[in-house]
Amino acid sequence: MGQANIALTPDVASIVMTVARGAFVDAMRIGVLASIGIVGLSIVISLLTMPAKMRAVQAELDESGAADALVPTTAAGTLRSRD
């Protein structure tokens, strides 16, 4: 805007800068409201599609402690049974 303002009279340049600032603020407001809407919609969709209860297979795995029986042995993350 600096070079464009050189050719304008001070009154016109002031109006142009005011309008440009207003447009920027309006665009930011719209962007923030759109972001809030997208996050809210994502939360609603996830709450509606997530099952309320575990499946029987998941519950059995959780109760058996199968995940606790494996421990990482190397930095690469290979697993072995805990003895």
Protein backbone atom coordinates (compact mmCIF):
# COMPACT_ATOMS: atom_id res chain seq x y z
CA MET A 1 0.00 0.00 0.00
CA GLY A 2 2.94 2.32 0.50
CA GLN A 3 3.68 2.94 -3.18
CA ALA A 4 0.00 3.15 -4.07
CA ASN A 5 -0.45 5.87 -1.46
CA ILE A 6 2.30 8.03 -2.98
CA ALA A 7 0.13 8.87 -5.99
CA LEU A 8 -2.97 9.56 -3.90
CA THR A 9 -3.93 12.71 -2.09
CA PRO A 10 -3.78 12.45 1.71
CA ASP A 11 -7.58 12.35 2.07
CA VAL A 12 -7.99 9.58 -0.48
CA ALA A 13 -5.01 7.65 0.91
CA SER A 14 -6.54 7.78 4.39
CA ILE A 15 -9.84 6.43 3.08
CA VAL A 16 -8.08 3.65 1.14
CA MET A 17 -6.10 2.60 4.22
CA THR A 18 -9.24 2.63 6.40
CA VAL A 19 -11.14 0.49 3.90
CA ALA A 20 -8.20 -1.93 3.55
CA ARG A 21 -7.91 -2.35 7.31
CA GLY A 22 -11.65 -2.91 7.60
CA ALA A 23 -11.58 -5.54 4.86
CA PHE A 24 -8.72 -7.34 6.60
CA VAL A 25 -10.52 -7.38 9.94
CA ASP A 26 -13.73 -8.60 8.29
CA ALA A 27 -11.86 -11.40 6.51
CA MET A 28 -10.20 -12.47 9.77
CA ARG A 29 -13.56 -12.48 11.56
CA ILE A 30 -15.10 -14.66 8.84
CA GLY A 31 -12.11 -17.01 8.98
CA VAL A 32 -12.33 -17.38 12.75
CA LEU A 33 -16.09 -18.02 12.63
CA ALA A 34 -15.62 -20.60 9.87
CA SER A 35 -12.92 -22.32 11.94
CA ILE A 36 -15.17 -22.42 14.99
CA GLY A 37 -17.95 -23.89 12.86
CA ILE A 38 -15.70 -26.59 11.42
CA VAL A 39 -14.39 -27.59 14.86
CA GLY A 40 -17.91 -27.65 16.28
CA LEU A 41 -19.18 -29.76 13.40
CA SER A 42 -16.24 -32.15 13.82
CA ILE A 43 -17.03 -32.57 17.51
CA VAL A 44 -20.71 -33.27 16.79
CA ILE A 45 -19.87 -35.80 14.07
CA SER A 46 -17.34 -37.58 16.28
CA LEU A 47 -19.80 -37.77 19.17
CA LEU A 48 -22.52 -39.17 16.91
CA THR A 49 -20.33 -41.74 15.20
CA MET A 50 -18.29 -42.96 18.18
CA PRO A 51 -19.78 -46.07 19.77
CA ALA A 52 -21.07 -45.64 23.29
CA LYS A 53 -19.79 -49.02 24.42
CA MET A 54 -16.76 -51.14 23.60
CA ARG A 55 -17.09 -54.13 21.36
CA ALA A 56 -16.78 -57.49 23.12
CA VAL A 57 -13.43 -58.19 21.44
CA GLN A 58 -12.01 -54.87 22.63
CA ALA A 59 -13.23 -55.52 26.17
CA GLU A 60 -11.64 -58.98 26.18
CA LEU A 61 -8.30 -57.59 25.05
CA ASP A 62 -8.47 -54.88 27.69
CA GLU A 63 -9.27 -57.34 30.48
CA SER A 64 -6.68 -59.94 29.46
CA GLY A 65 -3.83 -57.47 29.80
CA ALA A 66 -2.36 -58.59 26.48
CA ALA A 67 -0.82 -55.20 25.87
CA ASP A 68 0.93 -55.29 29.25
CA ALA A 69 2.65 -58.57 28.41
CA LEU A 70 4.71 -56.99 25.63
CA VAL A 71 7.63 -54.70 26.39
CA PRO A 72 9.88 -52.83 23.94
CA THR A 73 13.40 -54.24 23.79
CA THR A 74 15.16 -52.02 21.28
CA ALA A 75 15.06 -48.43 20.14
CA ALA A 76 13.42 -49.68 16.93
CA GLY A 77 10.45 -50.74 19.03
CA THR A 78 10.49 -54.49 18.51
CA LEU A 79 8.47 -56.27 21.14
CA ARG A 80 9.06 -59.47 23.08
CA SER A 81 7.06 -61.29 25.72
CA ARG A 82 7.70 -60.31 29.32
CA ASP A 83 9.02 -63.30 31.27
